[in-house]
Amino acid sequence: MKRTVSALAALLALPALTGCDRFEPRGGKSLDPMPADVPVTPQYTSPDEVVAALERAGIPCEVLRRRTGALGCEAQISGATVENRIQVLNPEEFSRDEVGDSIAAWRNSGTTVVAAGNWFIRVLPNGTPAHSIKIAEAVGAVVLPPPYPLPDIPSTPAHRSADALADALHKAGSCTDRERWSARELLCGSRAAESKTCDTSWADHHALLLLHDNAAARDDHIRLLLSNDHTPAAVVTAANWTIQFCDPATARATADTLGGVLITHEPGT
């Protein structure tokens, strides 16, 4: 499947709301509500408070420009220069769903958004998801990728643990050893030839296994992979799990064996 962005890409030039604006639903349509997984807190009264939170987390961000309720600042992440465009909406003037509707405008235009409480950040360059993830972890937010269309994903088979998923992958001949990252995430090694197309920290491993809390979290994880302008992805998924491969041929065979669907992405498509 190729990554696609709708005609709403023209909305990239859309001005963000400020505390001085009165909210008008776009085109008179109903609001796009705030995604349920966006934390209610922390809430801030100004974008400078978000900058302060970044600095407390070890990511100083030099302010480049500002206007009412918004600013842009520049930070260094893993040696790369990253611009954070921060927007804070006064909760006395804007409801949670009105904030969510503003976020939806950017997501629908092809922009990844970091969000929590009454604020959100567009992390640029947009095509490097690791930057957005780092910012979100620093300020207690979540990453909301663009809603790229996905194929129908089977609701079964589900797995109760990452080890149970690894057991199924082992039976398919693609998990000869394991390295645990967390309770819900592990790496499986393989005797299969290593792919040189995958520029990741786990390139010497065959597959990255991850369990998700629900379908929405699973889909956002997949969409974040699709937003990457640098690294290809071959993802096998069903129910509550994803397996990311470097080798598309092994991914295709695994999808058939495990009863999942294969989603592939090439940067720039």
C-alpha atoms as a PDB file:
ATOM      1  CA  MET A   1       0.000   0.000   0.000  1.00  0.00           C
ATOM      2  CA  LYS A   2       1.337   3.394  -0.893  1.00  0.00           C
ATOM      3  CA  ARG A   3       1.094   6.243   1.559  1.00  0.00           C
ATOM      4  CA  THR A   4      -1.522   8.683   0.348  1.00  0.00           C
ATOM      5  CA  VAL A   5      -2.552  12.169   1.392  1.00  0.00           C
ATOM      6  CA  SER A   6      -5.907  13.609   0.421  1.00  0.00           C
ATOM      7  CA  ALA A   7      -6.579  16.828  -1.422  1.00  0.00           C
ATOM      8  CA  LEU A   8      -6.771  18.477   1.977  1.00  0.00           C
ATOM      9  CA  ALA A   9      -3.000  18.925   1.706  1.00  0.00           C
ATOM     10  CA  ALA A  10      -3.787  22.437   0.565  1.00  0.00           C
ATOM     11  CA  LEU A  11      -4.764  23.129   4.165  1.00  0.00           C
ATOM     12  CA  LEU A  12      -1.075  23.175   5.124  1.00  0.00           C
ATOM     13  CA  ALA A  13      -1.264  26.918   4.732  1.00  0.00           C
ATOM     14  CA  LEU A  14      -4.255  27.100   7.097  1.00  0.00           C
ATOM     15  CA  PRO A  15      -3.623  29.571   9.952  1.00  0.00           C
ATOM     16  CA  ALA A  16      -3.903  28.042  13.409  1.00  0.00           C
ATOM     17  CA  LEU A  17      -6.437  29.426  15.853  1.00  0.00           C
ATOM     18  CA  THR A  18      -5.379  31.904  18.501  1.00  0.00           C
ATOM     19  CA  GLY A  19      -6.946  32.885  21.775  1.00  0.00           C
ATOM     20  CA  CYS A  20      -8.285  35.993  20.061  1.00  0.00           C
ATOM     21  CA  ASP A  21     -10.244  34.053  17.440  1.00  0.00           C
ATOM     22  CA  ARG A  22     -13.839  32.988  17.944  1.00  0.00           C
ATOM     23  CA  PHE A  23     -14.224  29.390  16.921  1.00  0.00           C
ATOM     24  CA  GLU A  24     -16.098  28.647  13.715  1.00  0.00           C
ATOM     25  CA  PRO A  25     -16.450  24.980  12.680  1.00  0.00           C
ATOM     26  CA  ARG A  26     -14.863  24.565   9.261  1.00  0.00           C
ATOM     27  CA  GLY A  27     -17.418  24.885   6.483  1.00  0.00           C
ATOM     28  CA  GLY A  28     -20.255  24.805   9.005  1.00  0.00           C
ATOM     29  CA  LYS A  29     -19.696  21.094   9.629  1.00  0.00           C
ATOM     30  CA  SER A  30     -19.823  19.429  13.024  1.00  0.00           C
ATOM     31  CA  LEU A  31     -16.701  19.331  15.170  1.00  0.00           C
ATOM     32  CA  ASP A  32     -14.048  16.635  14.873  1.00  0.00           C
ATOM     33  CA  PRO A  33     -13.751  15.737  18.576  1.00  0.00           C
ATOM     34  CA  MET A  34     -10.500  15.430  20.455  1.00  0.00           C
ATOM     35  CA  PRO A  35      -9.116  11.873  20.112  1.00  0.00           C
ATOM     36  CA  ALA A  36      -9.857   9.880  23.255  1.00  0.00           C
ATOM     37  CA  ASP A  37      -6.198   9.019  23.908  1.00  0.00           C
ATOM     38  CA  VAL A  38      -5.100  12.670  24.185  1.00  0.00           C
ATOM     39  CA  PRO A  39      -4.366  13.352  27.900  1.00  0.00           C
ATOM     40  CA  VAL A  40      -6.565  15.967  29.596  1.00  0.00           C
ATOM     41  CA  THR A  41      -3.480  17.349  31.349  1.00  0.00           C
ATOM     42  CA  PRO A  42      -1.128  19.102  31.480  1.00  0.00           C
ATOM     43  CA  GLN A  43      -2.898  22.318  30.572  1.00  0.00           C
ATOM     44  CA  TYR A  44      -1.016  25.556  29.983  1.00  0.00           C
ATOM     45  CA  THR A  45      -1.934  29.228  29.796  1.00  0.00           C
ATOM     46  CA  SER A  46       0.703  30.165  27.222  1.00  0.00           C
ATOM     47  CA  PRO A  47       3.064  28.525  24.707  1.00  0.00           C
ATOM     48  CA  ASP A  48       5.988  29.754  26.813  1.00  0.00           C
ATOM     49  CA  GLU A  49       4.925  27.257  29.466  1.00  0.00           C
ATOM     50  CA  VAL A  50       5.275  24.464  26.893  1.00  0.00           C
ATOM     51  CA  VAL A  51       8.761  25.763  26.046  1.00  0.00           C
ATOM     52  CA  ALA A  52       9.590  25.692  29.771  1.00  0.00           C
ATOM     53  CA  ALA A  53       8.341  22.087  29.997  1.00  0.00           C
ATOM     54  CA  LEU A  54      10.596  21.122  27.086  1.00  0.00           C
ATOM     55  CA  GLU A  55      13.580  22.739  28.788  1.00  0.00           C
ATOM     56  CA  ARG A  56      12.850  20.920  32.065  1.00  0.00           C
ATOM     57  CA  ALA A  57      12.876  17.690  30.068  1.00  0.00           C
ATOM     58  CA  GLY A  58      16.312  18.487  28.643  1.00  0.00           C
ATOM     59  CA  ILE A  59      15.179  19.888  25.282  1.00  0.00           C
ATOM     60  CA  PRO A  60      15.887  23.650  25.286  1.00  0.00           C
ATOM     61  CA  CYS A  61      13.960  25.389  22.506  1.00  0.00           C
ATOM     62  CA  GLU A  62      15.021  28.829  21.260  1.00  0.00           C
ATOM     63  CA  VAL A  63      12.036  31.042  20.402  1.00  0.00           C
ATOM     64  CA  LEU A  64      12.135  32.205  16.786  1.00  0.00           C
ATOM     65  CA  ARG A  65       8.796  33.996  16.446  1.00  0.00           C
ATOM     66  CA  ARG A  66       5.597  34.480  18.399  1.00  0.00           C
ATOM     67  CA  ARG A  67       2.043  35.718  18.144  1.00  0.00           C
ATOM     68  CA  THR A  68      -0.973  35.585  20.424  1.00  0.00           C
ATOM     69  CA  GLY A  69      -1.355  32.046  21.719  1.00  0.00           C
ATOM     70  CA  ALA A  70       1.368  30.627  19.495  1.00  0.00           C
ATOM     71  CA  LEU A  71       5.107  30.574  18.923  1.00  0.00           C
ATOM     72  CA  GLY A  72       7.770  28.753  16.970  1.00  0.00           C
ATOM     73  CA  CYS A  73      10.963  27.571  18.631  1.00  0.00           C
ATOM     74  CA  GLU A  74      14.018  25.611  17.523  1.00  0.00           C
ATOM     75  CA  ALA A  75      15.558  22.638  19.333  1.00  0.00           C
ATOM     76  CA  GLN A  76      18.283  20.070  18.706  1.00  0.00           C
ATOM     77  CA  ILE A  77      17.228  16.398  18.760  1.00  0.00           C
ATOM     78  CA  SER A  78      19.803  13.695  18.049  1.00  0.00           C
ATOM     79  CA  GLY A  79      21.939  16.211  16.170  1.00  0.00           C
ATOM     80  CA  ALA A  80      19.057  17.460  14.002  1.00  0.00           C
ATOM     81  CA  THR A  81      17.502  20.932  14.066  1.00  0.00           C
ATOM     82  CA  VAL A  82      13.787  20.663  14.812  1.00  0.00           C
ATOM     83  CA  GLU A  83      11.226  23.453  14.777  1.00  0.00           C
ATOM     84  CA  ASN A  84       8.311  23.209  17.211  1.00  0.00           C
ATOM     85  CA  ARG A  85       5.241  25.258  16.311  1.00  0.00           C
ATOM     86  CA  ILE A  86       3.314  25.471  19.558  1.00  0.00           C
ATOM     87  CA  GLN A  87      -0.361  26.463  19.848  1.00  0.00           C
ATOM     88  CA  VAL A  88      -2.192  26.953  23.163  1.00  0.00           C
ATOM     89  CA  LEU A  89      -5.972  27.530  23.215  1.00  0.00           C
ATOM     90  CA  ASN A  90      -7.542  29.140  26.260  1.00  0.00           C
ATOM     91  CA  PRO A  91      -9.886  26.541  27.846  1.00  0.00           C
ATOM     92  CA  GLU A  92     -12.176  29.357  29.008  1.00  0.00           C
ATOM     93  CA  GLU A  93     -12.849  30.194  25.358  1.00  0.00           C
ATOM     94  CA  PHE A  94     -12.424  26.843  23.599  1.00  0.00           C
ATOM     95  CA  SER A  95     -13.872  23.477  24.553  1.00  0.00           C
ATOM     96  CA  ARG A  96     -11.828  20.285  24.386  1.00  0.00           C
ATOM     97  CA  ASP A  97     -13.550  19.286  21.166  1.00  0.00           C
ATOM     98  CA  GLU A  98     -12.899  22.697  19.639  1.00  0.00           C
ATOM     99  CA  VAL A  99      -9.207  22.153  20.355  1.00  0.00           C
ATOM    100  CA  GLY A 100      -9.587  18.699  18.808  1.00  0.00           C
ATOM    101  CA  ASP A 101     -11.197  20.180  15.719  1.00  0.00           C
ATOM    102  CA  SER A 102      -8.247  22.526  15.246  1.00  0.00           C
ATOM    103  CA  ILE A 103      -5.876  19.555  15.599  1.00  0.00           C
ATOM    104  CA  ALA A 104      -7.937  17.611  13.041  1.00  0.00           C
ATOM    105  CA  ALA A 105      -7.478  20.390  10.481  1.00  0.00           C
ATOM    106  CA  TRP A 106      -3.708  19.922  10.635  1.00  0.00           C
ATOM    107  CA  ARG A 107      -3.823  16.130  10.713  1.00  0.00           C
ATOM    108  CA  ASN A 108      -6.136  16.019   7.703  1.00  0.00           C
ATOM    109  CA  SER A 109      -3.688  18.217   5.815  1.00  0.00           C
ATOM    110  CA  GLY A 110      -0.919  15.627   6.251  1.00  0.00           C
ATOM    111  CA  THR A 111       0.725  16.984   9.400  1.00  0.00           C
ATOM    112  CA  THR A 112       1.759  14.963  12.449  1.00  0.00           C
ATOM    113  CA  VAL A 113       0.667  16.650  15.686  1.00  0.00           C
ATOM    114  CA  VAL A 114       1.849  16.261  19.292  1.00  0.00           C
ATOM    115  CA  ALA A 115      -1.026  17.023  21.671  1.00  0.00           C
ATOM    116  CA  ALA A 116      -2.182  17.106  25.294  1.00  0.00           C
ATOM    117  CA  GLY A 117      -4.523  19.210  27.405  1.00  0.00           C
ATOM    118  CA  ASN A 118      -5.402  22.452  25.613  1.00  0.00           C
ATOM    119  CA  TRP A 119      -2.333  22.667  23.369  1.00  0.00           C
ATOM    120  CA  PHE A 120      -0.574  21.017  20.467  1.00  0.00           C
ATOM    121  CA  ILE A 121       2.722  21.139  18.603  1.00  0.00           C
ATOM    122  CA  ARG A 122       3.581  20.657  14.956  1.00  0.00           C
ATOM    123  CA  VAL A 123       7.114  19.224  14.895  1.00  0.00           C
ATOM    124  CA  LEU A 124       9.029  20.043  11.717  1.00  0.00           C
ATOM    125  CA  PRO A 125      10.440  18.453   9.622  1.00  0.00           C
ATOM    126  CA  ASN A 126       7.267  16.421   9.608  1.00  0.00           C
ATOM    127  CA  GLY A 127       8.657  13.301   7.925  1.00  0.00           C
ATOM    128  CA  THR A 128      10.819  12.167  10.855  1.00  0.00           C
ATOM    129  CA  PRO A 129       8.431  10.551  13.370  1.00  0.00           C
ATOM    130  CA  ALA A 130      11.223   9.989  15.915  1.00  0.00           C
ATOM    131  CA  HIS A 131      11.354  13.752  16.520  1.00  0.00           C
ATOM    132  CA  SER A 132       7.633  13.930  17.310  1.00  0.00           C
ATOM    133  CA  ILE A 133       7.911  10.892  19.590  1.00  0.00           C
ATOM    134  CA  LYS A 134      10.810  12.481  21.490  1.00  0.00           C
ATOM    135  CA  ILE A 135       8.897  15.743  21.965  1.00  0.00           C
ATOM    136  CA  ALA A 136       5.738  13.916  23.075  1.00  0.00           C
ATOM    137  CA  GLU A 137       7.635  11.856  25.656  1.00  0.00           C
ATOM    138  CA  ALA A 138       9.274  15.016  26.998  1.00  0.00           C
ATOM    139  CA  VAL A 139       6.025  16.903  27.645  1.00  0.00           C
ATOM    140  CA  GLY A 140       3.557  14.134  28.524  1.00  0.00           C
ATOM    141  CA  ALA A 141       1.683  14.232  25.221  1.00  0.00           C
ATOM    142  CA  VAL A 142       0.715  11.777  22.480  1.00  0.00           C
ATOM    143  CA  VAL A 143       1.638  11.712  18.800  1.00  0.00           C
ATOM    144  CA  LEU A 144      -1.254  11.985  16.328  1.00  0.00           C
ATOM    145  CA  PRO A 145      -0.180  11.134  12.767  1.00  0.00           C
ATOM    146  CA  PRO A 146      -2.187  12.062   9.675  1.00  0.00           C
ATOM    147  CA  PRO A 147      -5.197   9.745   9.148  1.00  0.00           C
ATOM    148  CA  TYR A 148      -3.744   7.930   6.144  1.00  0.00           C
ATOM    149  CA  PRO A 149      -6.215   5.349   4.785  1.00  0.00           C
ATOM    150  CA  LEU A 150      -5.552   1.783   5.897  1.00  0.00           C
ATOM    151  CA  PRO A 151      -6.857  -1.508   4.515  1.00  0.00           C
ATOM    152  CA  ASP A 152      -9.390  -3.568   6.443  1.00  0.00           C
ATOM    153  CA  ILE A 153      -7.470  -5.127   9.343  1.00  0.00           C
ATOM    154  CA  PRO A 154      -8.698  -8.492  10.669  1.00  0.00           C
ATOM    155  CA  SER A 155     -10.057  -8.516  14.232  1.00  0.00           C
ATOM    156  CA  THR A 156      -8.428 -11.923  14.823  1.00  0.00           C
ATOM    157  CA  PRO A 157      -6.151 -13.530  15.783  1.00  0.00           C
ATOM    158  CA  ALA A 158      -5.445 -11.533  18.945  1.00  0.00           C
ATOM    159  CA  HIS A 159      -2.557 -12.334  21.290  1.00  0.00           C
ATOM    160  CA  ARG A 160      -2.501 -11.956  25.070  1.00  0.00           C
ATOM    161  CA  SER A 161       1.185 -10.989  25.259  1.00  0.00           C
ATOM    162  CA  ALA A 162       4.195 -10.101  23.156  1.00  0.00           C
ATOM    163  CA  ASP A 163       5.659 -13.514  23.992  1.00  0.00           C
ATOM    164  CA  ALA A 164       2.527 -15.239  22.709  1.00  0.00           C
ATOM    165  CA  LEU A 165       2.899 -13.297  19.455  1.00  0.00           C
ATOM    166  CA  ALA A 166       6.593 -14.249  19.328  1.00  0.00           C
ATOM    167  CA  ASP A 167       5.613 -17.903  19.871  1.00  0.00           C
ATOM    168  CA  ALA A 168       3.348 -17.705  16.824  1.00  0.00           C
ATOM    169  CA  LEU A 169       6.139 -16.080  14.824  1.00  0.00           C
ATOM    170  CA  HIS A 170       8.556 -18.788  15.998  1.00  0.00           C
ATOM    171  CA  LYS A 171       6.208 -21.481  14.687  1.00  0.00           C
ATOM    172  CA  ALA A 172       6.321 -19.652  11.351  1.00  0.00           C
ATOM    173  CA  GLY A 173      10.133 -19.975  11.428  1.00  0.00           C
ATOM    174  CA  SER A 174      10.855 -16.271  11.873  1.00  0.00           C
ATOM    175  CA  CYS A 175      11.747 -15.880  15.567  1.00  0.00           C
ATOM    176  CA  THR A 176      14.879 -17.757  16.601  1.00  0.00           C
ATOM    177  CA  ASP A 177      15.812 -15.491  19.511  1.00  0.00           C
ATOM    178  CA  ARG A 178      14.201 -12.658  21.482  1.00  0.00           C
ATOM    179  CA  GLU A 179      15.262  -9.341  22.975  1.00  0.00           C
ATOM    180  CA  ARG A 180      12.680  -7.678  25.205  1.00  0.00           C
ATOM    181  CA  TRP A 181      12.249  -3.910  25.064  1.00  0.00           C
ATOM    182  CA  SER A 182       9.196  -3.685  27.322  1.00  0.00           C
ATOM    183  CA  ALA A 183       6.273  -5.809  28.479  1.00  0.00           C
ATOM    184  CA  ARG A 184       4.517  -5.168  25.173  1.00  0.00           C
ATOM    185  CA  GLU A 185       7.446  -4.845  22.769  1.00  0.00           C
ATOM    186  CA  LEU A 186      10.247  -7.194  21.751  1.00  0.00           C
ATOM    187  CA  LEU A 187      12.597  -8.018  18.909  1.00  0.00           C
ATOM    188  CA  CYS A 188      12.789 -11.371  17.170  1.00  0.00           C
ATOM    189  CA  GLY A 189      15.980 -12.470  15.459  1.00  0.00           C
ATOM    190  CA  SER A 190      15.966 -14.748  12.453  1.00  0.00           C
ATOM    191  CA  ARG A 191      18.213 -16.887  10.336  1.00  0.00           C
ATOM    192  CA  ALA A 192      16.849 -15.039   7.318  1.00  0.00           C
ATOM    193  CA  ALA A 193      19.276 -12.835   5.421  1.00  0.00           C
ATOM    194  CA  GLU A 194      19.436  -9.321   6.806  1.00  0.00           C
ATOM    195  CA  SER A 195      17.876  -6.570   4.727  1.00  0.00           C
ATOM    196  CA  LYS A 196      20.002  -3.502   4.072  1.00  0.00           C
ATOM    197  CA  THR A 197      17.019  -1.299   3.207  1.00  0.00           C
ATOM    198  CA  CYS A 198      16.009  -0.686   6.824  1.00  0.00           C
ATOM    199  CA  ASP A 199      18.010   2.081   8.493  1.00  0.00           C
ATOM    200  CA  THR A 200      16.975   1.501  12.108  1.00  0.00           C
ATOM    201  CA  SER A 201      18.614   0.791  15.456  1.00  0.00           C
ATOM    202  CA  TRP A 202      17.343  -2.796  15.202  1.00  0.00           C
ATOM    203  CA  ALA A 203      18.512  -3.422  11.612  1.00  0.00           C
ATOM    204  CA  ASP A 204      20.460  -6.467  12.782  1.00  0.00           C
ATOM    205  CA  HIS A 205      17.181  -8.001  13.947  1.00  0.00           C
ATOM    206  CA  HIS A 206      14.505  -9.475  11.801  1.00  0.00           C
ATOM    207  CA  ALA A 207      11.251  -8.212  13.272  1.00  0.00           C
ATOM    208  CA  LEU A 208       9.908  -5.723  15.813  1.00  0.00           C
ATOM    209  CA  LEU A 209       6.809  -7.009  17.654  1.00  0.00           C
ATOM    210  CA  LEU A 210       4.384  -4.702  19.451  1.00  0.00           C
ATOM    211  CA  LEU A 211       1.062  -5.223  21.251  1.00  0.00           C
ATOM    212  CA  HIS A 212      -1.471  -2.345  21.280  1.00  0.00           C
ATOM    213  CA  ASP A 213      -4.158  -1.340  23.768  1.00  0.00           C
ATOM    214  CA  ASN A 214      -6.855  -0.962  21.125  1.00  0.00           C
ATOM    215  CA  ALA A 215      -7.459  -0.635  17.388  1.00  0.00           C
ATOM    216  CA  ALA A 216      -7.057   3.163  17.434  1.00  0.00           C
ATOM    217  CA  ALA A 217      -3.605   2.916  19.038  1.00  0.00           C
ATOM    218  CA  ARG A 218      -2.636   0.204  16.546  1.00  0.00           C
ATOM    219  CA  ASP A 219      -3.756   2.326  13.599  1.00  0.00           C
ATOM    220  CA  ASP A 220      -1.922   5.430  14.859  1.00  0.00           C
ATOM    221  CA  HIS A 221       1.263   3.356  15.231  1.00  0.00           C
ATOM    222  CA  ILE A 222       0.957   2.150  11.631  1.00  0.00           C
ATOM    223  CA  ARG A 223       0.189   5.643  10.357  1.00  0.00           C
ATOM    224  CA  LEU A 224       3.227   7.016  12.152  1.00  0.00           C
ATOM    225  CA  LEU A 225       5.365   4.497  10.253  1.00  0.00           C
ATOM    226  CA  LEU A 226       3.701   5.606   7.006  1.00  0.00           C
ATOM    227  CA  SER A 227       4.605   9.231   7.732  1.00  0.00           C
ATOM    228  CA  ASN A 228       8.336   8.459   7.729  1.00  0.00           C
ATOM    229  CA  ASP A 229      10.018  10.059   4.717  1.00  0.00           C
ATOM    230  CA  HIS A 230      13.298   8.189   5.246  1.00  0.00           C
ATOM    231  CA  THR A 231      12.687   4.568   6.223  1.00  0.00           C
ATOM    232  CA  PRO A 232      10.643   1.958   4.352  1.00  0.00           C
ATOM    233  CA  ALA A 233       8.177  -0.154   6.300  1.00  0.00           C
ATOM    234  CA  ALA A 234       6.692  -3.610   5.899  1.00  0.00           C
ATOM    235  CA  VAL A 235       4.096  -4.155   8.623  1.00  0.00           C
ATOM    236  CA  VAL A 236       2.046  -7.275   9.311  1.00  0.00           C
ATOM    237  CA  THR A 237      -0.970  -6.588  11.529  1.00  0.00           C
ATOM    238  CA  ALA A 238      -4.224  -7.969  12.881  1.00  0.00           C
ATOM    239  CA  ALA A 239      -6.357  -7.497  15.996  1.00  0.00           C
ATOM    240  CA  ASN A 240      -4.125  -6.040  18.758  1.00  0.00           C
ATOM    241  CA  TRP A 241      -0.634  -6.459  17.283  1.00  0.00           C
ATOM    242  CA  THR A 242       1.852  -5.287  14.671  1.00  0.00           C
ATOM    243  CA  ILE A 243       5.116  -6.800  13.451  1.00  0.00           C
ATOM    244  CA  GLN A 244       7.497  -4.537  11.567  1.00  0.00           C
ATOM    245  CA  PHE A 245       9.968  -6.146   9.168  1.00  0.00           C
ATOM    246  CA  CYS A 246      12.940  -4.960   7.165  1.00  0.00           C
ATOM    247  CA  ASP A 247      12.493  -7.717   4.605  1.00  0.00           C
ATOM    248  CA  PRO A 248       9.230  -7.320   2.600  1.00  0.00           C
ATOM    249  CA  ALA A 249       9.358 -10.917   1.325  1.00  0.00           C
ATOM    250  CA  THR A 250       9.452 -12.329   4.858  1.00  0.00           C
ATOM    251  CA  ALA A 251       6.680  -9.933   5.870  1.00  0.00           C
ATOM    252  CA  ARG A 252       4.484 -11.171   3.029  1.00  0.00           C
ATOM    253  CA  ALA A 253       5.022 -14.814   3.987  1.00  0.00           C
ATOM    254  CA  THR A 254       4.373 -14.029   7.659  1.00  0.00           C
ATOM    255  CA  ALA A 255       1.093 -12.269   6.866  1.00  0.00           C
ATOM    256  CA  ASP A 256      -0.143 -15.406   5.131  1.00  0.00           C
ATOM    257  CA  THR A 257       0.980 -17.678   7.968  1.00  0.00           C
ATOM    258  CA  LEU A 258      -0.243 -15.583  10.922  1.00  0.00           C
ATOM    259  CA  GLY A 259      -3.543 -14.493   9.370  1.00  0.00           C
ATOM    260  CA  GLY A 260      -2.650 -10.832   9.233  1.00  0.00           C
ATOM    261  CA  VAL A 261      -2.674  -8.171   6.539  1.00  0.00           C
ATOM    262  CA  LEU A 262       0.515  -6.718   5.015  1.00  0.00           C
ATOM    263  CA  ILE A 263       0.950  -2.944   4.762  1.00  0.00           C
ATOM    264  CA  THR A 264       4.011  -1.653   2.919  1.00  0.00           C
ATOM    265  CA  HIS A 265       5.403   1.851   2.616  1.00  0.00           C
ATOM    266  CA  GLU A 266       8.182   3.331   0.511  1.00  0.00           C
ATOM    267  CA  PRO A 267       9.413   6.846   1.431  1.00  0.00           C
ATOM    268  CA  GLY A 268       8.196   9.523  -0.928  1.00  0.00           C
ATOM    269  CA  THR A 269       5.063   7.635  -2.029  1.00  0.00           C
END
